[in-house]
Amino acid sequence: MTKALIIGIGAGDPDHVTIQAIKALNRVDVFLVPTKGDEKADLLHLRREICERYIEGRSYRFVEFEQPRRDDPTVSYRQTVEQWHDAIAERYERHLLDELAEGQCAGFLVWGDPSLYDSTVRILDKVRARSRIALDYEMIPGITSVQALTARHAVPLNRIGEAVQITTGRKLAQCMPEDAGSVVVMLDGQQAFQAIPPEGLEIFWGAYLGTEDEILIAGRLEDVRDEIARVRSEARGRKGWVMDTYLLRKVDPSNA
């Protein structure tokens, strides 16, 4: 039986790593690290820093491999993602077979929490379904970018008696949900906040949360959306990549 630990390591601050995650780190022999090119080398550095800080008295290895790129959707978005996950599963399977000795434990270091907008579990399920490996895994929760965002802005995620919805930029571009008091938007490469009517909305935006490059902007959407777009573009040009998320909600009438 091959053992794998899917470990949530927080949004970027090594202090976000939980005691449970530290215990899991100290069980891993081989960390399998899919990379996405030189533009995210600093994310690899953060993973190494976390391991160097918290792993004590045992040896371990990092095995880096290039993650397949997702094609542009041809038939459907879901089908394209499924095909992409199939390609990643093949690589996971190969490295689990080639890199682990009998009785060793593999580790996957996941930004934020493995249960929120991450597909490591789905991909390992595909590996298990291929039946070449008797695979067992555990999932260790982590602090999400949503938690880091609201904490850094010092605002609660929800309002009393109102719902919270977590969605993507692709969905937000279609419409702002009417029945959600608070809307958290993730995976928004197209800056969908610029495409929706801004009147009556406020935004709490953050990029590189938990890192030394962290950027925070908040205010009425109509007042700050251009500033966010400019700052985001400048940051992406400077670093080559950007990870950001934001909270949208209607302006509280008592603060209007």
Protein backbone atom coordinates (compact mmCIF):
# COMPACT_ATOMS: atom_id res chain seq x y z
CA MET A 1 0.00 0.00 0.00
CA THR A 2 1.35 3.42 -0.99
CA LYS A 3 0.61 6.21 1.48
CA ALA A 4 0.18 9.87 0.50
CA LEU A 5 -0.49 12.92 2.64
CA ILE A 6 -2.22 15.93 1.07
CA ILE A 7 -1.15 18.77 3.33
CA GLY A 8 -2.70 22.23 3.36
CA ILE A 9 0.12 24.70 4.03
CA GLY A 10 -1.77 27.99 4.17
CA ALA A 11 -1.87 31.03 1.94
CA GLY A 12 1.84 31.88 1.94
CA ASP A 13 2.92 32.69 5.49
CA PRO A 14 4.87 29.79 7.06
CA ASP A 15 3.19 30.75 10.35
CA HIS A 16 -0.12 29.61 8.82
CA VAL A 17 1.02 25.98 9.00
CA THR A 18 -0.98 24.15 11.66
CA ILE A 19 0.35 21.76 14.29
CA GLN A 20 -1.49 18.93 12.51
CA ALA A 21 0.26 19.85 9.27
CA ILE A 22 3.65 19.95 11.01
CA LYS A 23 3.08 16.43 12.31
CA ALA A 24 2.17 15.33 8.77
CA LEU A 25 5.27 16.98 7.28
CA ASN A 26 7.37 14.88 9.64
CA ARG A 27 5.88 11.66 8.25
CA VAL A 28 6.79 12.35 4.60
CA ASP A 29 9.76 10.76 2.84
CA VAL A 30 9.25 12.19 -0.65
CA PHE A 31 7.48 15.43 -1.53
CA LEU A 32 6.10 15.39 -5.07
CA VAL A 33 6.05 18.98 -6.31
CA PRO A 34 4.44 19.82 -9.67
CA THR A 35 5.99 23.02 -11.01
CA LYS A 36 4.56 25.60 -13.37
CA GLY A 37 7.69 27.19 -14.82
CA ASP A 38 10.26 29.68 -13.55
CA GLU A 39 7.63 32.37 -12.97
CA LYS A 40 6.54 30.60 -9.78
CA ALA A 41 9.97 29.60 -8.49
CA ASP A 42 9.37 31.63 -5.34
CA LEU A 43 6.40 29.37 -4.52
CA LEU A 44 8.77 26.41 -4.64
CA HIS A 45 11.10 28.34 -2.34
CA LEU A 46 8.24 28.85 0.14
CA ARG A 47 7.51 25.12 0.15
CA ARG A 48 11.16 24.39 0.89
CA GLU A 49 11.24 27.03 3.62
CA ILE A 50 8.24 25.43 5.32
CA CYS A 51 9.88 22.01 5.27
CA GLU A 52 13.23 23.33 6.50
CA ARG A 53 11.51 25.14 9.36
CA TYR A 54 9.26 22.34 10.58
CA ILE A 55 10.80 18.96 9.69
CA GLU A 56 13.15 17.71 12.38
CA GLY A 57 15.40 14.69 12.68
CA ARG A 58 14.51 12.93 9.43
CA SER A 59 15.63 12.98 5.82
CA TYR A 60 13.30 13.76 2.95
CA ARG A 61 13.47 14.51 -0.75
CA PHE A 62 11.79 16.95 -3.11
CA VAL A 63 10.91 15.53 -6.52
CA GLU A 64 9.99 18.32 -8.90
CA PHE A 65 8.26 17.71 -12.22
CA GLU A 66 6.61 19.93 -14.77
CA GLN A 67 2.84 19.94 -14.56
CA PRO A 68 1.01 19.55 -17.89
CA ARG A 69 -0.60 22.73 -19.14
CA ARG A 70 -4.33 22.93 -19.57
CA ASP A 71 -5.54 23.40 -23.13
CA ASP A 72 -8.02 26.09 -24.06
CA PRO A 73 -11.56 24.70 -23.91
CA THR A 74 -12.66 23.18 -27.23
CA VAL A 75 -15.81 21.19 -26.51
CA SER A 76 -16.55 22.22 -22.92
CA TYR A 77 -14.73 23.62 -19.93
CA ARG A 78 -15.49 20.56 -17.81
CA GLN A 79 -14.25 18.14 -20.48
CA THR A 80 -11.06 20.15 -20.95
CA VAL A 81 -10.36 20.07 -17.22
CA GLU A 82 -11.05 16.33 -17.06
CA GLN A 83 -8.53 15.70 -19.85
CA TRP A 84 -6.00 17.91 -18.09
CA HIS A 85 -6.49 16.03 -14.82
CA ASP A 86 -6.01 12.73 -16.66
CA ALA A 87 -2.63 13.96 -17.92
CA ILE A 88 -1.59 15.08 -14.43
CA ALA A 89 -2.73 11.74 -12.95
CA GLU A 90 -0.40 9.90 -15.34
CA ARG A 91 2.55 11.92 -14.03
CA TYR A 92 1.54 11.47 -10.39
CA GLU A 93 1.26 7.73 -10.95
CA ARG A 94 4.66 7.51 -12.63
CA HIS A 95 6.43 9.38 -9.83
CA LEU A 96 4.66 7.47 -7.08
CA LEU A 97 5.85 4.25 -8.73
CA ASP A 98 9.39 5.44 -9.49
CA GLU A 99 10.33 7.60 -6.52
CA LEU A 100 8.99 5.79 -3.46
CA ALA A 101 10.62 2.76 -1.88
CA GLU A 102 8.56 0.15 -0.08
CA GLY A 103 6.93 1.62 3.01
CA GLN A 104 7.74 5.24 2.21
CA CYS A 105 5.22 8.09 2.39
CA ALA A 106 4.58 10.70 -0.31
CA GLY A 107 3.56 14.26 0.42
CA PHE A 108 1.71 16.88 -1.62
CA LEU A 109 1.99 20.46 -0.34
CA VAL A 110 -1.19 22.33 -1.25
CA TRP A 111 -1.62 26.09 -1.00
CA GLY A 112 -4.53 27.02 1.24
CA ASP A 113 -6.76 24.04 1.91
CA PRO A 114 -6.92 20.86 -0.23
CA SER A 115 -10.74 20.93 -0.13
CA LEU A 116 -11.21 24.43 -1.56
CA TYR A 117 -10.61 25.01 -5.28
CA ASP A 118 -7.86 22.41 -5.45
CA SER A 119 -7.91 19.16 -7.42
CA THR A 120 -5.16 17.10 -5.79
CA VAL A 121 -7.72 14.74 -4.24
CA ARG A 122 -9.61 14.34 -7.52
CA ILE A 123 -6.37 13.57 -9.34
CA LEU A 124 -5.24 11.01 -6.77
CA ASP A 125 -8.66 9.38 -7.08
CA LYS A 126 -7.92 9.02 -10.79
CA VAL A 127 -4.55 7.45 -9.93
CA ARG A 128 -6.27 4.99 -7.61
CA ALA A 129 -8.89 4.16 -10.26
CA ARG A 130 -6.14 3.20 -12.73
CA SER A 131 -5.36 0.28 -10.37
CA ARG A 132 -1.59 0.23 -10.89
CA ILE A 133 -1.04 1.46 -7.33
CA ALA A 134 -2.74 0.44 -4.11
CA LEU A 135 -3.04 4.03 -2.89
CA ASP A 136 -4.28 5.38 0.41
CA TYR A 137 -4.26 9.06 1.30
CA GLU A 138 -5.05 11.44 4.14
CA MET A 139 -6.00 15.11 3.80
CA ILE A 140 -4.80 17.70 6.29
CA PRO A 141 -6.71 21.00 6.26
CA GLY A 142 -5.01 24.36 5.92
CA ILE A 143 -5.72 28.07 6.24
CA THR A 144 -7.31 29.29 3.00
CA SER A 145 -6.74 32.52 1.12
CA VAL A 146 -10.33 33.39 2.05
CA GLN A 147 -9.47 33.24 5.75
CA ALA A 148 -6.24 35.15 5.19
CA LEU A 149 -8.09 37.81 3.17
CA THR A 150 -10.79 38.52 5.74
CA ALA A 151 -8.29 38.43 8.61
CA ARG A 152 -5.96 40.92 6.92
CA HIS A 153 -8.87 43.27 6.16
CA ALA A 154 -10.26 42.63 9.67
CA VAL A 155 -13.78 41.92 8.42
CA PRO A 156 -16.09 38.95 9.05
CA LEU A 157 -16.87 36.82 6.00
CA ASN A 158 -20.60 36.79 6.58
CA ARG A 159 -23.24 39.26 7.67
CA ILE A 160 -25.93 38.30 10.15
CA GLY A 161 -28.60 36.17 8.52
CA GLU A 162 -27.02 36.34 5.05
CA ALA A 163 -25.52 33.63 2.87
CA VAL A 164 -21.94 33.35 1.66
CA GLN A 165 -21.08 32.16 -1.83
CA ILE A 166 -17.66 31.22 -3.18
CA THR A 167 -17.35 31.39 -6.94
CA THR A 168 -14.90 32.00 -9.80
CA GLY A 169 -14.24 34.98 -12.00
CA ARG A 170 -15.64 33.05 -14.94
CA LYS A 171 -18.98 32.68 -13.12
CA LEU A 172 -19.01 36.22 -11.74
CA ALA A 173 -18.60 37.64 -15.25
CA GLN A 174 -21.97 36.10 -16.10
CA CYS A 175 -23.75 37.84 -13.22
CA MET A 176 -23.40 38.97 -9.63
CA PRO A 177 -25.33 36.45 -7.47
CA GLU A 178 -28.48 38.08 -6.18
CA ASP A 179 -29.14 35.83 -3.19
CA ALA A 180 -25.70 35.93 -1.57
CA GLY A 181 -24.86 38.55 1.03
CA SER A 182 -21.12 37.97 0.59
CA VAL A 183 -19.43 36.67 -2.58
CA VAL A 184 -15.83 35.46 -2.50
CA VAL A 185 -14.24 35.31 -5.93
CA MET A 186 -11.29 33.06 -6.68
CA LEU A 187 -9.45 32.13 -9.87
CA ASP A 188 -10.24 35.43 -11.56
CA GLY A 189 -7.61 35.92 -14.24
CA GLN A 190 -9.91 38.22 -16.23
CA GLN A 191 -10.72 40.67 -13.40
CA ALA A 192 -14.45 40.08 -13.61
CA PHE A 193 -15.09 42.74 -10.97
CA GLN A 194 -14.68 45.25 -13.78
CA ALA A 195 -17.48 43.66 -15.81
CA ILE A 196 -20.29 43.88 -13.28
CA PRO A 197 -22.30 46.97 -12.31
CA PRO A 198 -20.34 48.47 -9.38
CA GLU A 199 -23.06 50.56 -7.78
CA GLY A 200 -23.86 49.64 -4.20
CA LEU A 201 -20.99 47.13 -3.85
CA GLU A 202 -17.83 47.14 -1.78
CA ILE A 203 -14.73 45.04 -2.39
CA PHE A 204 -11.98 43.67 -0.17
CA TRP A 205 -9.12 42.57 -2.45
CA GLY A 206 -5.81 40.93 -1.68
CA ALA A 207 -2.88 39.53 -3.66
CA TYR A 208 0.07 37.37 -2.54
CA LEU A 209 -1.68 36.96 0.80
CA GLY A 210 0.58 35.94 3.65
CA THR A 211 3.80 36.78 1.80
CA GLU A 212 6.17 39.73 1.93
CA ASP A 213 4.65 40.92 -1.37
CA GLU A 214 1.12 41.09 0.03
CA ILE A 215 -1.12 43.85 -1.38
CA LEU A 216 -4.47 44.90 0.10
CA ILE A 217 -7.08 47.30 -1.31
CA ALA A 218 -10.62 47.89 -0.04
CA GLY A 219 -13.43 50.33 -0.72
CA ARG A 220 -16.51 50.94 -2.82
CA LEU A 221 -16.13 49.00 -6.05
CA GLU A 222 -16.80 52.02 -8.25
CA ASP A 223 -14.04 53.95 -6.45
CA VAL A 224 -11.27 51.35 -6.35
CA ARG A 225 -11.80 48.92 -9.24
CA ASP A 226 -9.50 50.84 -11.60
CA GLU A 227 -6.85 51.07 -8.90
CA ILE A 228 -7.04 47.31 -8.29
CA ALA A 229 -6.71 46.61 -12.03
CA ARG A 230 -3.67 48.89 -12.26
CA VAL A 231 -1.95 47.56 -9.14
CA ARG A 232 -2.65 43.96 -10.19
CA SER A 233 -1.22 44.55 -13.66
CA GLU A 234 1.89 46.18 -12.25
CA ALA A 235 2.41 43.34 -9.78
CA ARG A 236 2.00 40.70 -12.48
CA GLY A 237 4.48 42.50 -14.69
CA ARG A 238 6.96 42.75 -11.84
CA LYS A 239 6.74 39.13 -10.65
CA GLY A 240 5.49 37.32 -13.76
CA TRP A 241 2.45 35.89 -11.94
CA VAL A 242 -0.22 36.91 -9.48
CA MET A 243 -2.45 35.04 -7.01
CA ASP A 244 -5.32 37.12 -5.71
CA THR A 245 -8.82 36.81 -4.33
CA TYR A 246 -11.51 39.19 -3.17
CA LEU A 247 -14.74 39.59 -1.26
CA LEU A 248 -17.69 41.45 -2.78
CA ARG A 249 -20.80 42.49 -0.91
CA LYS A 250 -23.47 45.14 -0.87
CA VAL A 251 -22.61 48.31 1.03
CA ASP A 252 -24.09 48.22 4.52
CA PRO A 253 -26.89 50.83 4.53
CA SER A 254 -25.85 51.92 8.03
CA ASN A 255 -22.45 52.89 6.60
CA ALA A 256 -23.77 54.52 3.44
